[in-house]
Amino acid sequence: MSTVSEDRPDRITPAFPGRRWLLPSALIEQLDPSPDRSSGRWSRRPRRTARDWMVDFTCFLIAVVVGLLGADGLENEPNLSHGMEIADQLVGALACAAVWLRRRWPVGLAVAMLPLGFVSVTSGGATTVALFTVAVHRPFRYVAWVAGAQIALQPLYYWLRPDPDLPYLGILVFGTLLTAAVVGWGMLARSKRQLMLSLRDRARRAETEARLRAEQAQRLAREAIAREMHDVLAHRLTLLSVHAGALEFRPDAPREEVVRAAGVIRESAHEALQDLREIIGVLRSAESDDAGGRPQPTLAALDALVTESREAGMKVTLAGGVADPAEVPASVGRTAYRIAQEALTNARKHAPGTEVTVSVGGAPGDGLAMSVRNAPADGEVPHVPGSGQGLIGLTERAALAGGTLAHGATADGGFEVRAWLPWG
């Protein structure tokens, strides 16, 4: 079954609000299509605007004036009978009245005007208006056929009904230039309408792209925050889990060990809450830099991380090192710290009680190389829930820093995380 939403879509801002009466109704319909027309359902034709009424009346007036001028010239034709003169004027009146239908059937009206203009002098203005309408409202292929037929019939027309004031060649040149001018004027008006439509489409496309970029930026920000929360809180919560499990399975442990474990649990919980408060503060902050938060850990904090893991009961060895950790760029040092933190967390969860070796080395120009390696676990390790997102996040973090990260099992059954980060 299809679900029908009751929420109404946001209405598109009308084009040229307050000045719509200055625009043609066809252009307004293309700029702001009605819901019925945009959804494919039949809807009535758009109503004429004030500009449409003025233009239509002007075209009708031009057709009438040209018809009256043509009617005055009928008396100068020697071979025209009185009945043909009356018929010419009746056909011209009907052609002038048909000008009001030019918006509904532009091509049909122009085609119908070709034979009428061939037999009626007074319908010449209506024929010109019909040709102009086709040039404005239809593509060039229709204009070319109608204008070509009209130009092709002019030699025969002026041969049968010559103008007494102009020579034959002169009237042909004048008629051709008039037809070309009418077609050019109509195509110019059509090109201006197409330009307005293209500008409107570009504006809407730009609004859509800006909205998509904003949504993508929000998504990337959420992913970065989620990765940061995982890297920070996973380490703290793992310490809580380890020491809480020790207290659960060793209720008869000496008082000193119980006090130490309780102290680690309290300190880890305090650090986790403080880190979480900082991340939430970044979400609430309107600026990207939060001067009130604690500084982010760098490579210099790696010793404290190893000491904290040892206090939690892990067997961690820190091998190698750099001469001056302060020389390492802050972004590179922060990435190296997060890699070591996540690797130690994974070793604590999946290989508890094993020896872990953290190796760091490098120099400016050579890059910063580090590895975290743990021995195979002794015996069967209880299943620890996890989706592997931590290692995926570390790989993305190293790639963002311009480095590489690899991880996998070692030959003796252990696990190793290797990373290289640029150090310019």
Protein backbone atom coordinates (compact mmCIF):
# COMPACT_ATOMS: atom_id res chain seq x y z
CA MET A 1 0.00 0.00 0.00
CA SER A 2 1.22 3.46 -0.77
CA THR A 3 1.56 5.93 2.03
CA VAL A 4 0.20 9.43 1.52
CA SER A 5 1.95 12.14 3.47
CA GLU A 6 -0.14 14.93 4.89
CA ASP A 7 2.79 17.34 5.01
CA ARG A 8 2.65 19.98 2.32
CA PRO A 9 5.89 20.71 0.45
CA ASP A 10 7.43 24.09 0.84
CA ARG A 11 6.13 26.55 -1.70
CA ILE A 12 8.67 27.95 -4.12
CA THR A 13 9.17 31.67 -3.82
CA PRO A 14 7.25 33.32 -6.66
CA ALA A 15 9.36 34.94 -9.34
CA PHE A 16 9.23 38.74 -9.41
CA PRO A 17 6.66 39.13 -6.60
CA GLY A 18 4.58 42.29 -6.93
CA ARG A 19 5.47 42.77 -10.63
CA ARG A 20 3.92 39.68 -12.16
CA TRP A 21 1.49 41.79 -14.19
CA LEU A 22 4.49 43.02 -16.21
CA LEU A 23 5.34 39.49 -17.40
CA PRO A 24 3.65 37.30 -20.01
CA SER A 25 1.38 34.62 -18.59
CA ALA A 26 3.27 31.88 -20.48
CA LEU A 27 6.56 32.98 -18.93
CA ILE A 28 5.05 33.10 -15.44
CA GLU A 29 3.70 29.59 -15.90
CA GLN A 30 7.18 28.34 -16.84
CA LEU A 31 8.89 30.21 -14.01
CA ASP A 32 6.38 29.12 -11.35
CA PRO A 33 4.41 26.14 -12.67
CA SER A 34 1.10 25.45 -10.97
CA PRO A 35 0.84 22.25 -8.86
CA ASP A 36 -1.61 20.66 -11.29
CA ARG A 37 0.60 21.31 -14.30
CA SER A 38 3.83 20.23 -12.58
CA SER A 39 2.23 16.97 -11.37
CA GLY A 40 1.08 16.05 -14.87
CA ARG A 41 -2.64 16.58 -14.29
CA TRP A 42 -4.68 18.70 -16.71
CA SER A 43 -5.26 22.27 -15.70
CA ARG A 44 -6.77 25.20 -17.54
CA ARG A 45 -4.61 27.65 -19.46
CA PRO A 46 -3.00 30.45 -17.46
CA ARG A 47 -5.00 33.63 -17.36
CA ARG A 48 -3.79 36.66 -19.27
CA THR A 49 -1.92 39.25 -17.30
CA ALA A 50 -2.34 42.98 -17.71
CA ARG A 51 0.66 42.98 -20.03
CA ASP A 52 -0.94 40.25 -22.17
CA TRP A 53 -4.12 42.29 -22.58
CA MET A 54 -2.13 45.37 -23.60
CA VAL A 55 0.00 43.43 -26.09
CA ASP A 56 -3.00 41.61 -27.56
CA PHE A 57 -4.92 44.85 -27.98
CA THR A 58 -1.87 46.49 -29.59
CA CYS A 59 -1.52 43.60 -32.03
CA PHE A 60 -5.21 43.77 -32.85
CA LEU A 61 -4.94 47.53 -33.38
CA ILE A 62 -1.94 47.08 -35.70
CA ALA A 63 -3.82 44.46 -37.71
CA VAL A 64 -6.85 46.79 -38.01
CA VAL A 65 -4.75 49.84 -39.04
CA VAL A 66 -2.83 47.85 -41.65
CA GLY A 67 -6.14 46.43 -42.89
CA LEU A 68 -7.67 49.89 -43.22
CA LEU A 69 -4.64 51.12 -45.17
CA GLY A 70 -4.96 48.11 -47.42
CA ALA A 71 -8.67 48.79 -47.88
CA ASP A 72 -7.91 52.32 -49.08
CA GLY A 73 -5.60 50.93 -51.71
CA LEU A 74 -8.19 48.54 -53.13
CA GLU A 75 -9.71 51.37 -55.18
CA ASN A 76 -6.45 51.75 -57.12
CA GLU A 77 -6.47 48.17 -58.42
CA PRO A 78 -7.89 48.28 -61.95
CA ASN A 79 -8.96 44.64 -62.35
CA LEU A 80 -10.70 44.27 -58.95
CA SER A 81 -14.51 44.11 -59.00
CA HIS A 82 -16.76 45.60 -56.35
CA GLY A 83 -17.72 42.16 -55.04
CA MET A 84 -14.07 41.10 -54.71
CA GLU A 85 -13.38 44.32 -52.87
CA ILE A 86 -16.15 43.59 -50.33
CA ALA A 87 -14.97 39.99 -49.95
CA ASP A 88 -11.42 41.20 -49.38
CA GLN A 89 -12.59 43.47 -46.57
CA LEU A 90 -14.73 40.73 -44.97
CA VAL A 91 -11.80 38.31 -44.99
CA GLY A 92 -9.58 41.01 -43.50
CA ALA A 93 -12.08 41.69 -40.70
CA LEU A 94 -12.23 37.98 -39.85
CA ALA A 95 -8.42 37.82 -39.88
CA CYS A 96 -8.20 40.79 -37.50
CA ALA A 97 -10.70 39.14 -35.15
CA ALA A 98 -8.69 35.90 -35.26
CA VAL A 99 -5.69 37.77 -33.83
CA TRP A 100 -7.21 37.27 -30.35
CA LEU A 101 -6.64 33.49 -30.80
CA ARG A 102 -2.93 33.84 -31.47
CA ARG A 103 -1.86 32.69 -27.98
CA ARG A 104 -3.95 29.52 -28.09
CA TRP A 105 -3.06 28.32 -31.63
CA PRO A 106 -0.03 30.28 -32.86
CA VAL A 107 1.09 27.82 -35.56
CA GLY A 108 -2.43 27.01 -36.72
CA LEU A 109 -3.32 30.70 -37.01
CA ALA A 110 -0.14 31.45 -38.97
CA VAL A 111 -0.77 28.57 -41.40
CA ALA A 112 -4.38 29.68 -41.87
CA MET A 113 -3.24 33.25 -42.57
CA LEU A 114 -1.06 32.18 -45.52
CA PRO A 115 -3.91 31.54 -47.98
CA LEU A 116 -5.95 34.40 -46.52
CA GLY A 117 -3.09 36.84 -47.01
CA PHE A 118 -2.67 35.53 -50.56
CA VAL A 119 -6.21 36.54 -51.54
CA SER A 120 -6.84 39.45 -49.17
CA VAL A 121 -4.86 42.67 -48.94
CA THR A 122 -6.62 43.78 -45.75
CA SER A 123 -5.43 40.68 -43.86
CA GLY A 124 -1.75 41.58 -44.28
CA GLY A 125 -1.47 43.03 -40.76
CA ALA A 126 -3.02 39.92 -39.19
CA THR A 127 -0.63 37.73 -41.20
CA THR A 128 2.35 39.70 -39.89
CA VAL A 129 1.09 39.47 -36.30
CA ALA A 130 0.59 35.70 -36.67
CA LEU A 131 4.16 35.29 -37.95
CA PHE A 132 5.48 37.34 -35.03
CA THR A 133 3.50 35.15 -32.58
CA VAL A 134 5.01 31.96 -33.99
CA ALA A 135 8.53 33.43 -33.67
CA VAL A 136 7.87 34.28 -30.00
CA HIS A 137 6.11 31.11 -28.82
CA ARG A 138 7.49 28.29 -30.98
CA PRO A 139 10.96 26.89 -31.85
CA PHE A 140 12.81 28.00 -34.94
CA ARG A 141 11.78 25.04 -37.11
CA TYR A 142 8.15 26.22 -37.08
CA VAL A 143 9.21 29.80 -37.77
CA ALA A 144 11.38 28.71 -40.70
CA TRP A 145 8.54 26.78 -42.37
CA VAL A 146 5.97 29.56 -41.97
CA ALA A 147 8.33 32.41 -42.93
CA GLY A 148 9.75 30.40 -45.85
CA ALA A 149 6.29 29.71 -47.21
CA GLN A 150 5.34 33.36 -46.87
CA ILE A 151 8.49 34.55 -48.70
CA ALA A 152 8.01 31.91 -51.42
CA LEU A 153 4.45 33.08 -52.11
CA GLN A 154 5.31 36.78 -52.30
CA PRO A 155 6.58 36.77 -55.94
CA LEU A 156 3.34 35.17 -57.17
CA TYR A 157 1.19 37.45 -55.02
CA TYR A 158 2.81 40.66 -56.22
CA TRP A 159 2.75 39.38 -59.80
CA LEU A 160 -1.02 38.92 -59.63
CA ARG A 161 -1.69 42.06 -57.57
CA PRO A 162 1.14 44.55 -58.24
CA ASP A 163 1.62 47.68 -56.19
CA PRO A 164 0.95 50.80 -58.24
CA ASP A 165 3.47 52.93 -56.29
CA LEU A 166 6.48 50.57 -56.13
CA PRO A 167 8.27 48.52 -58.80
CA TYR A 168 8.01 44.74 -58.74
CA LEU A 169 11.58 44.12 -57.57
CA GLY A 170 11.37 46.85 -54.93
CA ILE A 171 8.19 45.46 -53.38
CA LEU A 172 9.72 41.97 -53.27
CA VAL A 173 12.79 43.27 -51.43
CA PHE A 174 10.60 45.27 -49.06
CA GLY A 175 8.36 42.27 -48.31
CA THR A 176 11.35 39.99 -47.66
CA LEU A 177 13.00 42.52 -45.35
CA LEU A 178 9.73 43.05 -43.48
CA THR A 179 9.30 39.30 -42.96
CA ALA A 180 12.91 38.95 -41.76
CA ALA A 181 12.48 41.90 -39.38
CA VAL A 182 9.30 40.46 -37.88
CA VAL A 183 10.95 37.03 -37.42
CA GLY A 184 14.06 38.59 -35.87
CA TRP A 185 12.01 40.69 -33.47
CA GLY A 186 10.00 37.68 -32.38
CA MET A 187 13.08 35.49 -31.90
CA LEU A 188 14.71 38.26 -29.86
CA ALA A 189 11.71 38.30 -27.53
CA ARG A 190 11.83 34.51 -27.29
CA SER A 191 15.58 34.54 -26.50
CA LYS A 192 14.98 36.99 -23.66
CA ARG A 193 12.36 34.68 -22.20
CA GLN A 194 14.70 31.69 -22.53
CA LEU A 195 17.42 33.69 -20.78
CA MET A 196 15.09 34.45 -17.86
CA LEU A 197 14.15 30.76 -17.61
CA SER A 198 17.79 29.67 -17.69
CA LEU A 199 18.71 32.18 -14.98
CA ARG A 200 15.83 30.95 -12.85
CA ASP A 201 16.93 27.32 -13.33
CA ARG A 202 20.50 28.22 -12.44
CA ALA A 203 19.34 29.99 -9.29
CA ARG A 204 17.23 27.01 -8.21
CA ARG A 205 20.08 24.64 -9.04
CA ALA A 206 22.46 26.76 -6.98
CA GLU A 207 20.03 26.72 -4.04
CA THR A 208 19.74 22.94 -4.29
CA GLU A 209 23.51 22.48 -4.49
CA ALA A 210 24.03 24.80 -1.52
CA ARG A 211 21.51 22.82 0.51
CA LEU A 212 23.19 19.53 -0.46
CA ARG A 213 26.61 20.92 0.47
CA ALA A 214 25.26 22.05 3.84
CA GLU A 215 23.76 18.61 4.46
CA GLN A 216 27.02 16.94 3.45
CA ALA A 217 28.99 19.23 5.74
CA GLN A 218 26.64 18.38 8.62
CA ARG A 219 27.01 14.68 7.89
CA LEU A 220 30.81 14.91 7.81
CA ALA A 221 30.78 16.89 11.06
CA ARG A 222 28.60 14.25 12.70
CA GLU A 223 30.92 11.50 11.49
CA ALA A 224 33.96 13.34 12.83
CA ILE A 225 32.27 13.87 16.20
CA ALA A 226 31.18 10.24 16.35
CA ARG A 227 34.73 9.10 15.55
CA GLU A 228 36.13 11.38 18.22
CA MET A 229 33.63 10.09 20.79
CA HIS A 230 34.53 6.51 19.92
CA ASP A 231 38.28 7.14 20.19
CA VAL A 232 37.99 9.00 23.49
CA LEU A 233 35.28 7.15 25.36
CA ALA A 234 36.19 3.61 24.28
CA HIS A 235 39.50 3.87 26.12
CA ARG A 236 37.91 5.17 29.32
CA LEU A 237 35.03 2.71 29.32
CA THR A 238 37.37 -0.21 28.70
CA LEU A 239 39.29 0.72 31.85
CA LEU A 240 36.01 0.81 33.73
CA SER A 241 35.05 -2.59 32.38
CA VAL A 242 38.39 -4.20 33.24
CA HIS A 243 38.52 -2.99 36.84
CA ALA A 244 34.83 -3.58 37.45
CA GLY A 245 35.30 -7.14 36.21
CA ALA A 246 38.28 -7.58 38.52
CA LEU A 247 36.21 -6.47 41.51
CA GLU A 248 33.39 -8.78 40.45
CA PHE A 249 35.53 -11.91 40.10
CA ARG A 250 37.94 -11.15 42.97
CA PRO A 251 35.76 -10.15 45.91
CA ASP A 252 38.43 -11.51 48.28
CA ALA A 253 41.22 -9.35 46.81
CA PRO A 254 43.40 -7.42 49.26
CA ARG A 255 42.12 -4.06 50.35
CA GLU A 256 44.94 -2.22 48.58
CA GLU A 257 43.99 -3.72 45.20
CA VAL A 258 40.31 -2.97 45.77
CA VAL A 259 41.11 0.64 46.63
CA ARG A 260 43.38 1.00 43.61
CA ALA A 261 40.76 -0.49 41.29
CA ALA A 262 38.07 1.74 42.73
CA GLY A 263 40.33 4.75 42.26
CA VAL A 264 40.97 3.85 38.62
CA ILE A 265 37.21 3.39 38.07
CA ARG A 266 36.47 6.76 39.64
CA GLU A 267 39.21 8.53 37.69
CA SER A 268 38.21 6.87 34.41
CA ALA A 269 34.57 7.78 34.93
CA HIS A 270 35.55 11.37 35.71
CA GLU A 271 37.76 11.58 32.60
CA ALA A 272 35.03 10.03 30.43
CA LEU A 273 32.46 12.53 31.66
CA GLN A 274 34.86 15.41 31.12
CA ASP A 275 35.69 14.27 27.58
CA LEU A 276 32.01 13.83 26.80
CA ARG A 277 31.29 17.30 28.16
CA GLU A 278 33.95 18.76 25.87
CA ILE A 279 32.53 17.04 22.79
CA ILE A 280 29.02 18.23 23.63
CA GLY A 281 30.45 21.72 24.14
CA VAL A 282 31.85 21.61 20.60
CA LEU A 283 28.37 20.75 19.34
CA ARG A 284 26.85 23.69 21.20
CA SER A 285 29.57 26.15 20.28
CA ALA A 286 28.90 28.48 17.39
CA GLU A 287 32.59 28.76 16.57
CA SER A 288 34.95 26.07 15.42
CA ASP A 289 37.59 26.90 18.04
CA ASP A 290 36.65 26.45 21.65
CA ALA A 291 39.15 28.26 23.81
CA GLY A 292 37.52 27.08 27.03
CA GLY A 293 38.14 23.36 26.44
CA ARG A 294 41.14 21.31 27.41
CA PRO A 295 43.94 21.13 24.84
CA GLN A 296 43.85 18.08 22.58
CA PRO A 297 46.44 15.38 23.37
CA THR A 298 49.58 15.29 21.23
CA LEU A 299 52.55 12.95 20.98
CA ALA A 300 53.93 14.32 24.24
CA ALA A 301 50.94 12.76 26.06
CA LEU A 302 51.84 9.27 24.86
CA ASP A 303 53.90 8.56 28.02
CA ALA A 304 50.90 9.44 30.18
CA LEU A 305 48.71 7.10 28.10
CA VAL A 306 51.15 4.23 28.57
CA THR A 307 51.39 4.93 32.31
CA GLU A 308 47.61 4.97 32.59
CA SER A 309 47.39 1.61 30.81
CA ARG A 310 50.02 0.14 33.12
CA GLU A 311 48.07 1.32 36.12
CA ALA A 312 45.06 -0.48 34.69
CA GLY A 313 47.01 -3.75 34.78
CA MET A 314 48.33 -3.94 31.23
CA LYS A 315 51.89 -4.93 30.36
CA VAL A 316 52.90 -2.10 28.05
CA THR A 317 56.38 -1.30 26.80
CA LEU A 318 57.17 1.99 25.08
CA ALA A 319 60.03 1.51 22.65
CA GLY A 320 61.88 4.13 20.69
CA GLY A 321 60.66 7.68 20.61
CA VAL A 322 61.48 11.04 19.09
CA ALA A 323 64.09 13.45 20.32
CA ASP A 324 61.68 16.32 20.91
CA PRO A 325 57.94 15.47 20.79
CA ALA A 326 57.16 19.20 20.74
CA GLU A 327 58.60 19.42 17.21
CA VAL A 328 55.95 17.04 15.89
CA PRO A 329 53.05 18.99 14.34
CA ALA A 330 50.00 19.09 16.56
CA SER A 331 47.74 17.38 14.01
CA VAL A 332 50.24 14.56 13.42
CA GLY A 333 50.86 14.09 17.13
CA ARG A 334 47.13 14.04 17.89
CA THR A 335 46.57 11.41 15.18
CA ALA A 336 49.43 9.26 16.54
CA TYR A 337 48.01 9.54 20.07
CA ARG A 338 44.54 8.44 18.92
CA ILE A 339 46.03 5.49 17.00
CA ALA A 340 47.94 4.31 20.07
CA GLN A 341 44.90 4.85 22.30
CA GLU A 342 42.60 2.79 20.07
CA ALA A 343 45.20 0.05 19.59
CA LEU A 344 45.74 -0.26 23.37
CA THR A 345 41.97 -0.38 23.88
CA ASN A 346 41.63 -3.21 21.35
CA ALA A 347 44.53 -5.10 22.92
CA ARG A 348 42.92 -4.76 26.35
CA LYS A 349 39.60 -6.07 25.05
CA HIS A 350 40.72 -8.89 22.74
CA ALA A 351 44.01 -9.99 24.31
CA PRO A 352 43.89 -9.22 28.05
CA GLY A 353 47.00 -9.91 30.05
CA THR A 354 49.35 -10.04 27.07
CA GLU A 355 52.43 -7.94 26.49
CA VAL A 356 51.91 -4.89 24.30
CA THR A 357 54.76 -2.99 22.63
CA VAL A 358 54.30 0.56 21.42
CA SER A 359 57.05 1.72 19.05
CA VAL A 360 57.44 5.28 17.85
CA GLY A 361 60.17 6.75 15.71
CA GLY A 362 60.88 9.25 12.99
CA ALA A 363 62.35 12.59 12.12
CA PRO A 364 61.39 15.69 10.16
CA GLY A 365 61.34 14.86 6.46
CA ASP A 366 61.18 11.10 7.05
CA GLY A 367 57.77 10.95 8.65
CA LEU A 368 56.52 9.51 11.93
CA ALA A 369 56.31 5.71 12.06
CA MET A 370 54.60 3.87 14.90
CA SER A 371 53.32 0.43 15.66
CA VAL A 372 51.33 -1.20 18.44
CA ARG A 373 51.91 -4.95 18.69
CA ASN A 374 50.47 -7.42 21.17
CA ALA A 375 51.31 -11.07 21.75
CA PRO A 376 48.71 -13.81 21.20
CA ALA A 377 46.17 -14.21 23.98
CA ASP A 378 46.67 -16.98 26.54
CA GLY A 379 43.74 -19.38 26.41
CA GLU A 380 40.23 -18.61 25.25
CA VAL A 381 39.19 -14.98 25.40
CA PRO A 382 35.54 -14.19 26.10
CA HIS A 383 33.70 -12.60 23.21
CA VAL A 384 33.76 -8.84 23.33
CA PRO A 385 31.12 -7.01 21.28
CA GLY A 386 32.56 -4.82 18.58
CA SER A 387 31.97 -3.92 14.95
CA GLY A 388 35.48 -3.00 13.84
CA GLN A 389 34.54 0.64 13.40
CA GLY A 390 37.49 1.71 15.53
CA LEU A 391 40.08 0.40 13.06
CA ILE A 392 38.08 1.82 10.15
CA GLY A 393 38.02 5.19 11.89
CA LEU A 394 41.78 5.03 12.48
CA THR A 395 42.38 4.28 8.80
CA GLU A 396 40.28 7.29 7.81
CA ARG A 397 41.99 9.48 10.39
CA ALA A 398 45.45 8.50 9.09
CA ALA A 399 44.33 9.11 5.48
CA LEU A 400 43.04 12.57 6.39
CA ALA A 401 46.42 13.35 7.91
CA GLY A 402 48.13 12.29 4.66
CA GLY A 403 49.48 9.00 6.02
CA THR A 404 48.72 5.30 5.87
CA LEU A 405 47.61 2.67 8.37
CA ALA A 406 47.67 -1.12 8.17
CA HIS A 407 46.61 -3.77 10.65
CA GLY A 408 46.48 -7.53 10.82
CA ALA A 409 47.62 -10.70 12.54
CA THR A 410 51.31 -11.41 13.03
CA ALA A 411 53.18 -14.63 12.35
CA ASP A 412 53.07 -15.74 16.01
CA GLY A 413 49.29 -15.22 16.27
CA GLY A 414 49.36 -11.75 17.73
CA PHE A 415 48.03 -8.52 16.27
CA GLU A 416 49.78 -5.39 15.04
CA VAL A 417 48.72 -1.92 13.99
CA ARG A 418 51.25 -0.03 11.84
CA ALA A 419 50.96 3.58 10.79
CA TRP A 420 53.04 6.16 8.99
CA LEU A 421 52.27 9.87 9.19
CA PRO A 422 53.95 12.72 7.30
CA TRP A 423 56.27 14.92 9.27
CA GLY A 424 57.44 17.80 7.12
